[in-house]
């Protein structure tokens, strides 16, 4: 199956959703290349970047589930390079 490389940029504005977000990321752990989280205490938010390599429909499903969490925003940027190129 063809995979894509993408970065999910996540902003968490409600701390009570962090546990649910971490559960989602754990469930998709096989697709995650790396993760960086930055707590921005001055604004009371968390900024998270997740690099993934997975089929596009799986990336979209993860982004959709993350975006449905209350107080969480997510945007996805895809690489143009596909597996095998």
PDB file of N, CA and C in Angstrom:
ATOM      1  N   UNK A   1       0.848  -1.183   0.000  1.00  0.00           N
ATOM      2  CA  UNK A   1       0.000   0.000   0.000  1.00  0.00           C
ATOM      3  C   UNK A   1       0.891   1.244   0.000  1.00  0.00           C
ATOM      4  N   UNK A   2       0.510   2.208  -0.795  1.00  0.00           N
ATOM      5  CA  UNK A   2       1.272   3.453  -0.894  1.00  0.00           C
ATOM      6  C   UNK A   2       1.115   4.295   0.366  1.00  0.00           C
ATOM      7  N   UNK A   3       2.223   4.834   0.827  1.00  0.00           N
ATOM      8  CA  UNK A   3       2.184   5.687   2.014  1.00  0.00           C
ATOM      9  C   UNK A   3       2.636   7.092   1.661  1.00  0.00           C
ATOM     10  N   UNK A   4       2.286   8.022   2.523  1.00  0.00           N
ATOM     11  CA  UNK A   4       2.675   9.426   2.375  1.00  0.00           C
ATOM     12  C   UNK A   4       3.361   9.865   3.659  1.00  0.00           C
ATOM     13  N   UNK A   5       4.237  10.831   3.526  1.00  0.00           N
ATOM     14  CA  UNK A   5       4.860  11.454   4.687  1.00  0.00           C
ATOM     15  C   UNK A   5       4.137  12.775   4.918  1.00  0.00           C
ATOM     16  N   UNK A   6       3.782  13.014   6.175  1.00  0.00           N
ATOM     17  CA  UNK A   6       3.044  14.236   6.505  1.00  0.00           C
ATOM     18  C   UNK A   6       3.424  14.702   7.894  1.00  0.00           C
ATOM     19  N   UNK A   7       3.095  15.964   8.171  1.00  0.00           N
ATOM     20  CA  UNK A   7       3.272  16.542   9.501  1.00  0.00           C
ATOM     21  C   UNK A   7       1.921  17.054   9.962  1.00  0.00           C
ATOM     22  N   UNK A   8       1.526  16.633  11.155  1.00  0.00           N
ATOM     23  CA  UNK A   8       0.314  17.141  11.771  1.00  0.00           C
ATOM     24  C   UNK A   8       0.722  18.188  12.793  1.00  0.00           C
ATOM     25  N   UNK A   9       0.189  19.380  12.650  1.00  0.00           N
ATOM     26  CA  UNK A   9       0.431  20.471  13.596  1.00  0.00           C
ATOM     27  C   UNK A   9      -0.802  20.594  14.473  1.00  0.00           C
ATOM     28  N   UNK A  10      -0.590  20.461  15.773  1.00  0.00           N
ATOM     29  CA  UNK A  10      -1.704  20.386  16.719  1.00  0.00           C
ATOM     30  C   UNK A  10      -1.562  21.483  17.768  1.00  0.00           C
ATOM     31  N   UNK A  11      -2.663  22.158  18.055  1.00  0.00           N
ATOM     32  CA  UNK A  11      -2.718  23.130  19.157  1.00  0.00           C
ATOM     33  C   UNK A  11      -3.767  22.633  20.141  1.00  0.00           C
ATOM     34  N   UNK A  12      -3.331  22.441  21.385  1.00  0.00           N
ATOM     35  CA  UNK A  12      -4.230  21.977  22.441  1.00  0.00           C
ATOM     36  C   UNK A  12      -4.501  23.152  23.374  1.00  0.00           C
ATOM     37  N   UNK A  13      -5.760  23.568  23.441  1.00  0.00           N
ATOM     38  CA  UNK A  13      -6.145  24.708  24.268  1.00  0.00           C
ATOM     39  C   UNK A  13      -6.873  24.296  25.546  1.00  0.00           C
ATOM     40  N   UNK A  14      -7.206  23.006  25.669  1.00  0.00           N
ATOM     41  CA  UNK A  14      -7.889  22.498  26.866  1.00  0.00           C
ATOM     42  C   UNK A  14      -7.115  21.315  27.406  1.00  0.00           C
ATOM     43  N   UNK A  15      -6.512  21.502  28.566  1.00  0.00           N
ATOM     44  CA  UNK A  15      -5.639  20.481  29.152  1.00  0.00           C
ATOM     45  C   UNK A  15      -6.351  19.151  29.385  1.00  0.00           C
ATOM     46  N   UNK A  16      -7.643  19.186  29.636  1.00  0.00           N
ATOM     47  CA  UNK A  16      -8.362  17.945  29.926  1.00  0.00           C
ATOM     48  C   UNK A  16      -8.472  17.012  28.718  1.00  0.00           C
ATOM     49  N   UNK A  17      -8.115  17.489  27.520  1.00  0.00           N
ATOM     50  CA  UNK A  17      -8.158  16.631  26.332  1.00  0.00           C
ATOM     51  C   UNK A  17      -6.831  15.927  26.064  1.00  0.00           C
ATOM     52  N   UNK A  18      -5.804  16.250  26.821  1.00  0.00           N
ATOM     53  CA  UNK A  18      -4.469  15.692  26.571  1.00  0.00           C
ATOM     54  C   UNK A  18      -4.472  14.169  26.679  1.00  0.00           C
ATOM     55  N   UNK A  19      -5.168  13.619  27.653  1.00  0.00           N
ATOM     56  CA  UNK A  19      -5.197  12.169  27.824  1.00  0.00           C
ATOM     57  C   UNK A  19      -5.820  11.477  26.611  1.00  0.00           C
ATOM     58  N   UNK A  20      -6.920  12.015  26.107  1.00  0.00           N
ATOM     59  CA  UNK A  20      -7.571  11.444  24.930  1.00  0.00           C
ATOM     60  C   UNK A  20      -6.677  11.578  23.699  1.00  0.00           C
ATOM     61  N   UNK A  21      -5.983  12.703  23.564  1.00  0.00           N
ATOM     62  CA  UNK A  21      -5.057  12.896  22.457  1.00  0.00           C
ATOM     63  C   UNK A  21      -3.930  11.876  22.527  1.00  0.00           C
ATOM     64  N   UNK A  22      -3.348  11.694  23.687  1.00  0.00           N
ATOM     65  CA  UNK A  22      -2.266  10.721  23.836  1.00  0.00           C
ATOM     66  C   UNK A  22      -2.736   9.304  23.522  1.00  0.00           C
ATOM     67  N   UNK A  23      -3.974   8.969  23.880  1.00  0.00           N
ATOM     68  CA  UNK A  23      -4.523   7.653  23.560  1.00  0.00           C
ATOM     69  C   UNK A  23      -4.629   7.462  22.047  1.00  0.00           C
ATOM     70  N   UNK A  24      -5.074   8.499  21.338  1.00  0.00           N
ATOM     71  CA  UNK A  24      -5.142   8.432  19.873  1.00  0.00           C
ATOM     72  C   UNK A  24      -3.761   8.244  19.269  1.00  0.00           C
ATOM     73  N   UNK A  25      -2.795   9.024  19.738  1.00  0.00           N
ATOM     74  CA  UNK A  25      -1.442   8.929  19.196  1.00  0.00           C
ATOM     75  C   UNK A  25      -0.848   7.553  19.479  1.00  0.00           C
ATOM     76  N   UNK A  26      -1.151   6.986  20.614  1.00  0.00           N
ATOM     77  CA  UNK A  26      -0.677   5.640  20.934  1.00  0.00           C
ATOM     78  C   UNK A  26      -1.282   4.620  19.969  1.00  0.00           C
ATOM     79  N   UNK A  27      -2.565   4.771  19.676  1.00  0.00           N
ATOM     80  CA  UNK A  27      -3.244   3.851  18.763  1.00  0.00           C
ATOM     81  C   UNK A  27      -2.662   3.898  17.354  1.00  0.00           C
ATOM     82  N   UNK A  28      -2.144   5.050  16.952  1.00  0.00           N
ATOM     83  CA  UNK A  28      -1.538   5.221  15.622  1.00  0.00           C
ATOM     84  C   UNK A  28      -0.010   5.189  15.698  1.00  0.00           C
ATOM     85  N   UNK A  29       0.526   4.668  16.787  1.00  0.00           N
ATOM     86  CA  UNK A  29       1.965   4.702  17.031  1.00  0.00           C
ATOM     87  C   UNK A  29       2.813   4.091  15.945  1.00  0.00           C
ATOM     88  N   UNK A  30       2.334   3.061  15.260  1.00  0.00           N
ATOM     89  CA  UNK A  30       3.135   2.419  14.213  1.00  0.00           C
ATOM     90  C   UNK A  30       3.377   3.343  13.016  1.00  0.00           C
ATOM     91  N   UNK A  31       2.534   4.367  12.871  1.00  0.00           N
ATOM     92  CA  UNK A  31       2.654   5.304  11.751  1.00  0.00           C
ATOM     93  C   UNK A  31       3.500   6.529  12.092  1.00  0.00           C
ATOM     94  N   UNK A  32       3.781   6.738  13.364  1.00  0.00           N
ATOM     95  CA  UNK A  32       4.463   7.956  13.801  1.00  0.00           C
ATOM     96  C   UNK A  32       5.970   7.813  13.679  1.00  0.00           C
ATOM     97  N   UNK A  33       6.585   8.752  12.963  1.00  0.00           N
ATOM     98  CA  UNK A  33       8.038   8.804  12.801  1.00  0.00           C
ATOM     99  C   UNK A  33       8.656   9.517  13.998  1.00  0.00           C
ATOM    100  N   UNK A  34       8.045  10.616  14.408  1.00  0.00           N
ATOM    101  CA  UNK A  34       8.564  11.405  15.518  1.00  0.00           C
ATOM    102  C   UNK A  34       7.523  12.390  16.012  1.00  0.00           C
ATOM    103  N   UNK A  35       7.802  12.901  17.201  1.00  0.00           N
ATOM    104  CA  UNK A  35       6.846  13.790  17.862  1.00  0.00           C
ATOM    105  C   UNK A  35       7.607  14.852  18.649  1.00  0.00           C
ATOM    106  N   UNK A  36       7.102  16.088  18.604  1.00  0.00           N
ATOM    107  CA  UNK A  36       7.685  17.165  19.396  1.00  0.00           C
ATOM    108  C   UNK A  36       6.549  17.946  20.037  1.00  0.00           C
ATOM    109  N   UNK A  37       6.628  18.110  21.334  1.00  0.00           N
ATOM    110  CA  UNK A  37       5.612  18.865  22.045  1.00  0.00           C
ATOM    111  C   UNK A  37       6.241  20.024  22.796  1.00  0.00           C
ATOM    112  N   UNK A  38       5.581  21.176  22.720  1.00  0.00           N
ATOM    113  CA  UNK A  38       6.077  22.373  23.393  1.00  0.00           C
ATOM    114  C   UNK A  38       4.949  22.962  24.235  1.00  0.00           C
ATOM    115  N   UNK A  39       5.091  22.926  25.558  1.00  0.00           N
ATOM    116  CA  UNK A  39       4.096  23.603  26.385  1.00  0.00           C
ATOM    117  C   UNK A  39       4.374  25.106  26.368  1.00  0.00           C
ATOM    118  N   UNK A  40       3.390  25.888  26.003  1.00  0.00           N
ATOM    119  CA  UNK A  40       3.530  27.340  25.977  1.00  0.00           C
ATOM    120  C   UNK A  40       2.767  27.868  27.183  1.00  0.00           C
ATOM    121  N   UNK A  41       3.435  27.869  28.309  1.00  0.00           N
ATOM    122  CA  UNK A  41       2.797  28.187  29.590  1.00  0.00           C
ATOM    123  C   UNK A  41       2.262  29.614  29.656  1.00  0.00           C
ATOM    124  N   UNK A  42       2.926  30.552  28.992  1.00  0.00           N
ATOM    125  CA  UNK A  42       2.476  31.946  29.022  1.00  0.00           C
ATOM    126  C   UNK A  42       1.067  32.089  28.440  1.00  0.00           C
ATOM    127  N   UNK A  43       0.702  31.208  27.520  1.00  0.00           N
ATOM    128  CA  UNK A  43      -0.622  31.259  26.898  1.00  0.00           C
ATOM    129  C   UNK A  43      -1.537  30.123  27.350  1.00  0.00           C
ATOM    130  N   UNK A  44      -0.976  29.178  28.119  1.00  0.00           N
ATOM    131  CA  UNK A  44      -1.782  28.061  28.608  1.00  0.00           C
ATOM    132  C   UNK A  44      -2.181  27.072  27.532  1.00  0.00           C
ATOM    133  N   UNK A  45      -1.323  26.902  26.513  1.00  0.00           N
ATOM    134  CA  UNK A  45      -1.610  25.963  25.430  1.00  0.00           C
ATOM    135  C   UNK A  45      -0.407  25.043  25.216  1.00  0.00           C
ATOM    136  N   UNK A  46      -0.626  23.995  24.436  1.00  0.00           N
ATOM    137  CA  UNK A  46       0.444  23.088  24.037  1.00  0.00           C
ATOM    138  C   UNK A  46       0.500  23.027  22.522  1.00  0.00           C
ATOM    139  N   UNK A  47       1.700  23.073  21.974  1.00  0.00           N
ATOM    140  CA  UNK A  47       1.929  22.978  20.539  1.00  0.00           C
ATOM    141  C   UNK A  47       2.620  21.647  20.273  1.00  0.00           C
ATOM    142  N   UNK A  48       2.056  20.854  19.365  1.00  0.00           N
ATOM    143  CA  UNK A  48       2.587  19.518  19.098  1.00  0.00           C
ATOM    144  C   UNK A  48       2.731  19.332  17.591  1.00  0.00           C
ATOM    145  N   UNK A  49       3.867  18.768  17.185  1.00  0.00           N
ATOM    146  CA  UNK A  49       4.086  18.380  15.790  1.00  0.00           C
ATOM    147  C   UNK A  49       4.300  16.872  15.751  1.00  0.00           C
ATOM    148  N   UNK A  50       3.596  16.203  14.844  1.00  0.00           N
ATOM    149  CA  UNK A  50       3.694  14.764  14.689  1.00  0.00           C
ATOM    150  C   UNK A  50       4.067  14.472  13.241  1.00  0.00           C
ATOM    151  N   UNK A  51       5.201  13.804  13.027  1.00  0.00           N
ATOM    152  CA  UNK A  51       5.609  13.374  11.688  1.00  0.00           C
ATOM    153  C   UNK A  51       5.128  11.934  11.500  1.00  0.00           C
ATOM    154  N   UNK A  52       4.446  11.671  10.387  1.00  0.00           N
ATOM    155  CA  UNK A  52       3.892  10.344  10.129  1.00  0.00           C
ATOM    156  C   UNK A  52       4.261   9.852   8.734  1.00  0.00           C
ATOM    157  N   UNK A  53       4.257   8.539   8.579  1.00  0.00           N
ATOM    158  CA  UNK A  53       4.425   7.877   7.277  1.00  0.00           C
ATOM    159  C   UNK A  53       3.388   6.774   7.233  1.00  0.00           C
ATOM    160  N   UNK A  54       2.301   6.998   6.477  1.00  0.00           N
ATOM    161  CA  UNK A  54       1.163   6.083   6.468  1.00  0.00           C
ATOM    162  C   UNK A  54       0.344   6.312   5.204  1.00  0.00           C
ATOM    163  N   UNK A  55      -0.591   5.400   4.916  1.00  0.00           N
ATOM    164  CA  UNK A  55      -1.520   5.666   3.814  1.00  0.00           C
ATOM    165  C   UNK A  55      -2.304   6.953   4.088  1.00  0.00           C
ATOM    166  N   UNK A  56      -2.618   7.677   3.016  1.00  0.00           N
ATOM    167  CA  UNK A  56      -3.272   8.968   3.175  1.00  0.00           C
ATOM    168  C   UNK A  56      -4.595   8.860   3.925  1.00  0.00           C
ATOM    169  N   UNK A  57      -5.354   7.797   3.701  1.00  0.00           N
ATOM    170  CA  UNK A  57      -6.630   7.670   4.398  1.00  0.00           C
ATOM    171  C   UNK A  57      -6.435   7.473   5.902  1.00  0.00           C
ATOM    172  N   UNK A  58      -5.353   6.830   6.288  1.00  0.00           N
ATOM    173  CA  UNK A  58      -5.068   6.638   7.718  1.00  0.00           C
ATOM    174  C   UNK A  58      -4.644   7.966   8.366  1.00  0.00           C
ATOM    175  N   UNK A  59      -3.849   8.753   7.641  1.00  0.00           N
ATOM    176  CA  UNK A  59      -3.448  10.073   8.143  1.00  0.00           C
ATOM    177  C   UNK A  59      -4.682  10.959   8.299  1.00  0.00           C
ATOM    178  N   UNK A  60      -5.550  10.941   7.299  1.00  0.00           N
ATOM    179  CA  UNK A  60      -6.780  11.746   7.357  1.00  0.00           C
ATOM    180  C   UNK A  60      -7.676  11.314   8.504  1.00  0.00           C
ATOM    181  N   UNK A  61      -7.753  10.007   8.752  1.00  0.00           N
ATOM    182  CA  UNK A  61      -8.572   9.502   9.859  1.00  0.00           C
ATOM    183  C   UNK A  61      -8.023   9.991  11.199  1.00  0.00           C
ATOM    184  N   UNK A  62      -6.707   9.923  11.362  1.00  0.00           N
ATOM    185  CA  UNK A  62      -6.090  10.396  12.600  1.00  0.00           C
ATOM    186  C   UNK A  62      -6.345  11.888  12.785  1.00  0.00           C
ATOM    187  N   UNK A  63      -6.125  12.672  11.736  1.00  0.00           N
ATOM    188  CA  UNK A  63      -6.342  14.119  11.829  1.00  0.00           C
ATOM    189  C   UNK A  63      -7.800  14.427  12.159  1.00  0.00           C
ATOM    190  N   UNK A  64      -8.733  13.693  11.569  1.00  0.00           N
ATOM    191  CA  UNK A  64     -10.145  13.911  11.850  1.00  0.00           C
ATOM    192  C   UNK A  64     -10.501  13.613  13.297  1.00  0.00           C
ATOM    193  N   UNK A  65      -9.966  12.520  13.827  1.00  0.00           N
ATOM    194  CA  UNK A  65     -10.227  12.160  15.222  1.00  0.00           C
ATOM    195  C   UNK A  65      -9.626  13.192  16.174  1.00  0.00           C
ATOM    196  N   UNK A  66      -8.419  13.660  15.856  1.00  0.00           N
ATOM    197  CA  UNK A  66      -7.784  14.687  16.688  1.00  0.00           C
ATOM    198  C   UNK A  66      -8.604  15.975  16.631  1.00  0.00           C
ATOM    199  N   UNK A  67      -9.022  16.363  15.443  1.00  0.00           N
ATOM    200  CA  UNK A  67      -9.795  17.593  15.274  1.00  0.00           C
ATOM    201  C   UNK A  67     -11.149  17.569  15.969  1.00  0.00           C
ATOM    202  N   UNK A  68     -11.672  16.384  16.245  1.00  0.00           N
ATOM    203  CA  UNK A  68     -12.956  16.267  16.942  1.00  0.00           C
ATOM    204  C   UNK A  68     -12.827  16.376  18.458  1.00  0.00           C
ATOM    205  N   UNK A  69     -11.609  16.381  18.965  1.00  0.00           N
ATOM    206  CA  UNK A  69     -11.416  16.543  20.405  1.00  0.00           C
ATOM    207  C   UNK A  69     -11.720  17.997  20.781  1.00  0.00           C
ATOM    208  N   UNK A  70     -12.418  18.223  21.893  1.00  0.00           N
ATOM    209  CA  UNK A  70     -12.736  19.596  22.287  1.00  0.00           C
ATOM    210  C   UNK A  70     -11.484  20.394  22.647  1.00  0.00           C
ATOM    211  N   UNK A  71     -11.396  21.597  22.104  1.00  0.00           N
ATOM    212  CA  UNK A  71     -10.267  22.473  22.407  1.00  0.00           C
ATOM    213  C   UNK A  71      -8.991  22.115  21.682  1.00  0.00           C
ATOM    214  N   UNK A  72      -9.100  21.329  20.604  1.00  0.00           N
ATOM    215  CA  UNK A  72      -7.912  20.910  19.850  1.00  0.00           C
ATOM    216  C   UNK A  72      -8.087  21.301  18.389  1.00  0.00           C
ATOM    217  N   UNK A  73      -7.039  21.908  17.810  1.00  0.00           N
ATOM    218  CA  UNK A  73      -7.011  22.250  16.388  1.00  0.00           C
ATOM    219  C   UNK A  73      -5.889  21.469  15.730  1.00  0.00           C
ATOM    220  N   UNK A  74      -6.096  21.034  14.491  1.00  0.00           N
ATOM    221  CA  UNK A  74      -5.064  20.275  13.775  1.00  0.00           C
ATOM    222  C   UNK A  74      -5.074  20.658  12.302  1.00  0.00           C
ATOM    223  N   UNK A  75      -3.880  20.746  11.735  1.00  0.00           N
ATOM    224  CA  UNK A  75      -3.691  20.963  10.297  1.00  0.00           C
ATOM    225  C   UNK A  75      -2.649  19.956   9.825  1.00  0.00           C
ATOM    226  N   UNK A  76      -2.808  19.481   8.600  1.00  0.00           N
ATOM    227  CA  UNK A  76      -1.908  18.475   8.057  1.00  0.00           C
ATOM    228  C   UNK A  76      -1.236  19.004   6.803  1.00  0.00           C
ATOM    229  N   UNK A  77       0.079  18.819   6.727  1.00  0.00           N
ATOM    230  CA  UNK A  77       0.851  19.168   5.524  1.00  0.00           C
ATOM    231  C   UNK A  77       1.462  17.889   4.982  1.00  0.00           C
ATOM    232  N   UNK A  78       1.226  17.596   3.700  1.00  0.00           N
ATOM    233  CA  UNK A  78       1.705  16.380   3.061  1.00  0.00           C
ATOM    234  C   UNK A  78       2.925  16.659   2.204  1.00  0.00           C
ATOM    235  N   UNK A  79       3.869  15.717   2.218  1.00  0.00           N
ATOM    236  CA  UNK A  79       4.983  15.744   1.280  1.00  0.00           C
ATOM    237  C   UNK A  79       4.463  15.284  -0.087  1.00  0.00           C
ATOM    238  N   UNK A  80       5.059  15.753  -1.141  1.00  0.00           N
ATOM    239  CA  UNK A  80       4.689  15.304  -2.485  1.00  0.00           C
ATOM    240  C   UNK A  80       5.343  13.965  -2.817  1.00  0.00           C
ATOM    241  N   UNK A  81       6.356  13.571  -2.060  1.00  0.00           N
ATOM    242  CA  UNK A  81       7.068  12.311  -2.317  1.00  0.00           C
ATOM    243  C   UNK A  81       6.234  11.146  -1.790  1.00  0.00           C
ATOM    244  N   UNK A  82       6.010  10.158  -2.648  1.00  0.00           N
ATOM    245  CA  UNK A  82       5.258   8.973  -2.254  1.00  0.00           C
ATOM    246  C   UNK A  82       6.231   7.808  -2.093  1.00  0.00           C
ATOM    247  N   UNK A  83       5.829   6.780  -1.340  1.00  0.00           N
ATOM    248  CA  UNK A  83       6.679   5.616  -1.096  1.00  0.00           C
ATOM    249  C   UNK A  83       7.131   5.017  -2.420  1.00  0.00           C
ATOM    250  N   UNK A  84       8.397   4.661  -2.496  1.00  0.00           N
ATOM    251  CA  UNK A  84       8.940   4.033  -3.687  1.00  0.00           C
ATOM    252  C   UNK A  84       9.466   5.001  -4.727  1.00  0.00           C
ATOM    253  N   UNK A  85       9.323   6.296  -4.519  1.00  0.00           N
ATOM    254  CA  UNK A  85       9.819   7.277  -5.495  1.00  0.00           C
ATOM    255  C   UNK A  85      11.205   7.736  -5.127  1.00  0.00           C
TER     256      UNK A  85
END
